[in-house]
Structures are given as C-alpha cells and as structure tokens.
Amino acid sequence: MGYPTKIQLISRKKGNQWYVNFPNALAEAMNFKKGETVEWEVESLTVLKMSRKVEKAVKE
C-alpha cells in the first residue's frame, strides 16, 4: 500500500526549503520519534532511500 505525498517548497530570502511530510499511519508503523535523525540517499532519479541514523553507544 502506498502513501501519495506532495513535495512542498518554501521560498525564503536565504534560499529554498523543500519538505516531505509523512502520513501519521506510516510514522507510527515505523515507530519514528520526535527529533530522530534519518539519512537520505539518491539511488536513481525515481528512487530516494531514507535510512535511520544508528547512534553508536557511548562507552564509559
């Protein structure tokens, strides 16, 4: 099942910002947390991959 989403563009004096919003059902299924870091990778002009950034455990 897909989740169609529109790309948003916000034009500002210092440059443009692009936004992609995640549907709530998808965010909950992925167990996203507020402030979580993700990484985008371009695989082709039709495929954009997003991966979770795995935080390394700090040894004490």
N, C-alpha and C. Protein backbone atom coordinates (compact mmCIF):
# COMPACT_ATOMS: atom_id res chain seq x y z
N MET A 1 0.85 -1.18 0.00
CA MET A 1 0.00 0.00 0.00
C MET A 1 0.89 1.24 0.00
N GLY A 2 0.60 2.18 -0.85
CA GLY A 2 1.39 3.40 -0.95
C GLY A 2 0.74 4.56 -0.22
N TYR A 3 1.51 5.59 0.00
CA TYR A 3 1.04 6.81 0.65
C TYR A 3 1.44 8.00 -0.23
N PRO A 4 0.59 8.40 -1.17
CA PRO A 4 0.93 9.56 -2.01
C PRO A 4 1.14 10.81 -1.14
N THR A 5 2.20 11.53 -1.43
CA THR A 5 2.55 12.72 -0.67
C THR A 5 3.08 13.77 -1.62
N LYS A 6 2.66 15.02 -1.43
CA LYS A 6 3.16 16.10 -2.27
C LYS A 6 4.40 16.72 -1.66
N ILE A 7 5.31 17.12 -2.51
CA ILE A 7 6.51 17.83 -2.10
C ILE A 7 6.14 19.31 -1.95
N GLN A 8 6.56 19.92 -0.84
CA GLN A 8 6.28 21.32 -0.59
C GLN A 8 7.56 22.14 -0.74
N LEU A 9 7.42 23.33 -1.30
CA LEU A 9 8.55 24.25 -1.45
C LEU A 9 8.22 25.53 -0.72
N ILE A 10 9.12 25.94 0.16
CA ILE A 10 9.01 27.21 0.87
C ILE A 10 10.14 28.09 0.36
N SER A 11 9.80 29.19 -0.31
CA SER A 11 10.81 30.12 -0.83
C SER A 11 11.08 31.19 0.20
N ARG A 12 12.36 31.35 0.55
CA ARG A 12 12.77 32.35 1.52
C ARG A 12 13.90 33.18 0.93
N LYS A 13 14.20 34.30 1.56
CA LYS A 13 15.26 35.17 1.07
C LYS A 13 16.61 34.47 1.05
N LYS A 14 16.88 33.62 2.03
CA LYS A 14 18.18 32.94 2.13
C LYS A 14 18.22 31.65 1.33
N GLY A 15 17.15 31.32 0.64
CA GLY A 15 17.15 30.09 -0.17
C GLY A 15 15.86 29.30 0.01
N ASN A 16 15.73 28.29 -0.78
CA ASN A 16 14.54 27.47 -0.76
C ASN A 16 14.68 26.32 0.24
N GLN A 17 13.54 25.91 0.79
CA GLN A 17 13.49 24.74 1.65
C GLN A 17 12.41 23.81 1.10
N TRP A 18 12.74 22.53 1.01
CA TRP A 18 11.83 21.53 0.50
C TRP A 18 11.38 20.65 1.64
N TYR A 19 10.09 20.29 1.65
CA TYR A 19 9.53 19.49 2.73
C TYR A 19 8.77 18.29 2.18
N VAL A 20 8.91 17.18 2.89
CA VAL A 20 8.11 15.99 2.63
C VAL A 20 7.50 15.60 3.97
N ASN A 21 6.19 15.53 4.05
CA ASN A 21 5.52 15.14 5.28
C ASN A 21 5.16 13.66 5.25
N PHE A 22 5.29 13.01 6.38
CA PHE A 22 4.93 11.60 6.48
C PHE A 22 3.52 11.47 7.03
N PRO A 23 2.72 10.61 6.40
CA PRO A 23 1.40 10.34 6.97
C PRO A 23 1.57 9.71 8.36
N ASN A 24 0.67 10.03 9.26
CA ASN A 24 0.73 9.53 10.63
C ASN A 24 0.79 8.01 10.68
N ALA A 25 0.00 7.32 9.86
CA ALA A 25 -0.01 5.86 9.87
C ALA A 25 1.36 5.29 9.54
N LEU A 26 2.06 5.91 8.61
CA LEU A 26 3.39 5.45 8.23
C LEU A 26 4.41 5.73 9.33
N ALA A 27 4.35 6.92 9.91
CA ALA A 27 5.26 7.27 11.01
C ALA A 27 5.08 6.34 12.20
N GLU A 28 3.83 6.02 12.52
CA GLU A 28 3.58 5.10 13.64
C GLU A 28 4.05 3.69 13.32
N ALA A 29 3.84 3.23 12.08
CA ALA A 29 4.28 1.90 11.69
C ALA A 29 5.80 1.78 11.76
N MET A 30 6.49 2.88 11.48
CA MET A 30 7.96 2.89 11.51
C MET A 30 8.50 3.23 12.90
N ASN A 31 7.60 3.55 13.83
CA ASN A 31 7.97 3.90 15.21
C ASN A 31 8.94 5.08 15.26
N PHE A 32 8.69 6.10 14.42
CA PHE A 32 9.52 7.29 14.44
C PHE A 32 9.33 8.04 15.76
N LYS A 33 10.40 8.68 16.19
CA LYS A 33 10.37 9.51 17.40
C LYS A 33 10.70 10.95 17.02
N LYS A 34 10.15 11.88 17.75
CA LYS A 34 10.42 13.31 17.53
C LYS A 34 11.92 13.56 17.64
N GLY A 35 12.47 14.26 16.66
CA GLY A 35 13.88 14.62 16.67
C GLY A 35 14.81 13.53 16.18
N GLU A 36 14.24 12.40 15.74
CA GLU A 36 15.08 11.30 15.25
C GLU A 36 15.83 11.73 13.99
N THR A 37 17.06 11.26 13.85
CA THR A 37 17.88 11.59 12.69
C THR A 37 17.75 10.49 11.65
N VAL A 38 17.52 10.91 10.40
CA VAL A 38 17.48 9.97 9.28
C VAL A 38 18.43 10.48 8.21
N GLU A 39 18.77 9.60 7.28
CA GLU A 39 19.70 9.96 6.22
C GLU A 39 19.07 9.61 4.87
N TRP A 40 19.15 10.55 3.92
CA TRP A 40 18.61 10.35 2.57
C TRP A 40 19.72 9.96 1.62
N GLU A 41 19.42 9.04 0.72
CA GLU A 41 20.37 8.61 -0.30
C GLU A 41 19.65 8.51 -1.64
N VAL A 42 20.23 9.12 -2.67
CA VAL A 42 19.66 9.06 -4.01
C VAL A 42 20.16 7.79 -4.69
N GLU A 43 19.23 6.89 -4.99
CA GLU A 43 19.60 5.67 -5.71
C GLU A 43 19.45 5.86 -7.22
N SER A 44 18.48 6.66 -7.62
CA SER A 44 18.26 6.98 -9.04
C SER A 44 17.32 8.18 -9.08
N LEU A 45 16.97 8.62 -10.27
CA LEU A 45 16.04 9.75 -10.38
C LEU A 45 14.62 9.41 -9.93
N THR A 46 14.33 8.13 -9.77
CA THR A 46 13.00 7.73 -9.32
C THR A 46 12.99 7.06 -7.95
N VAL A 47 14.17 6.87 -7.35
CA VAL A 47 14.24 6.20 -6.05
C VAL A 47 15.07 7.03 -5.08
N LEU A 48 14.44 7.41 -3.97
CA LEU A 48 15.09 8.13 -2.89
C LEU A 48 14.95 7.27 -1.64
N LYS A 49 16.06 6.85 -1.06
CA LYS A 49 16.04 5.94 0.08
C LYS A 49 16.32 6.71 1.36
N MET A 50 15.53 6.45 2.38
CA MET A 50 15.75 7.05 3.69
C MET A 50 16.10 5.95 4.67
N SER A 51 17.16 6.17 5.45
CA SER A 51 17.58 5.19 6.45
C SER A 51 17.69 5.86 7.80
N ARG A 52 17.45 5.08 8.84
CA ARG A 52 17.66 5.60 10.18
C ARG A 52 19.15 5.74 10.44
N LYS A 53 19.52 6.81 11.09
CA LYS A 53 20.90 7.01 11.51
C LYS A 53 21.06 6.28 12.84
N VAL A 54 21.89 5.24 12.86
CA VAL A 54 22.07 4.45 14.07
C VAL A 54 23.11 5.14 14.95
N GLU A 55 22.68 5.50 16.14
CA GLU A 55 23.57 6.17 17.09
C GLU A 55 24.45 5.12 17.75
N LYS A 56 25.75 5.38 17.79
CA LYS A 56 26.68 4.47 18.45
C LYS A 56 26.57 4.64 19.96
N ALA A 57 26.60 3.52 20.65
CA ALA A 57 26.55 3.56 22.11
C ALA A 57 27.83 4.17 22.65
N VAL A 58 27.70 5.01 23.66
CA VAL A 58 28.86 5.65 24.27
C VAL A 58 29.38 4.75 25.37
N LYS A 59 30.67 4.38 25.29
CA LYS A 59 31.29 3.56 26.33
C LYS A 59 31.81 4.45 27.44
N GLU A 60 31.58 4.03 28.67
CA GLU A 60 32.07 4.80 29.82
C GLU A 60 33.20 4.10 30.50
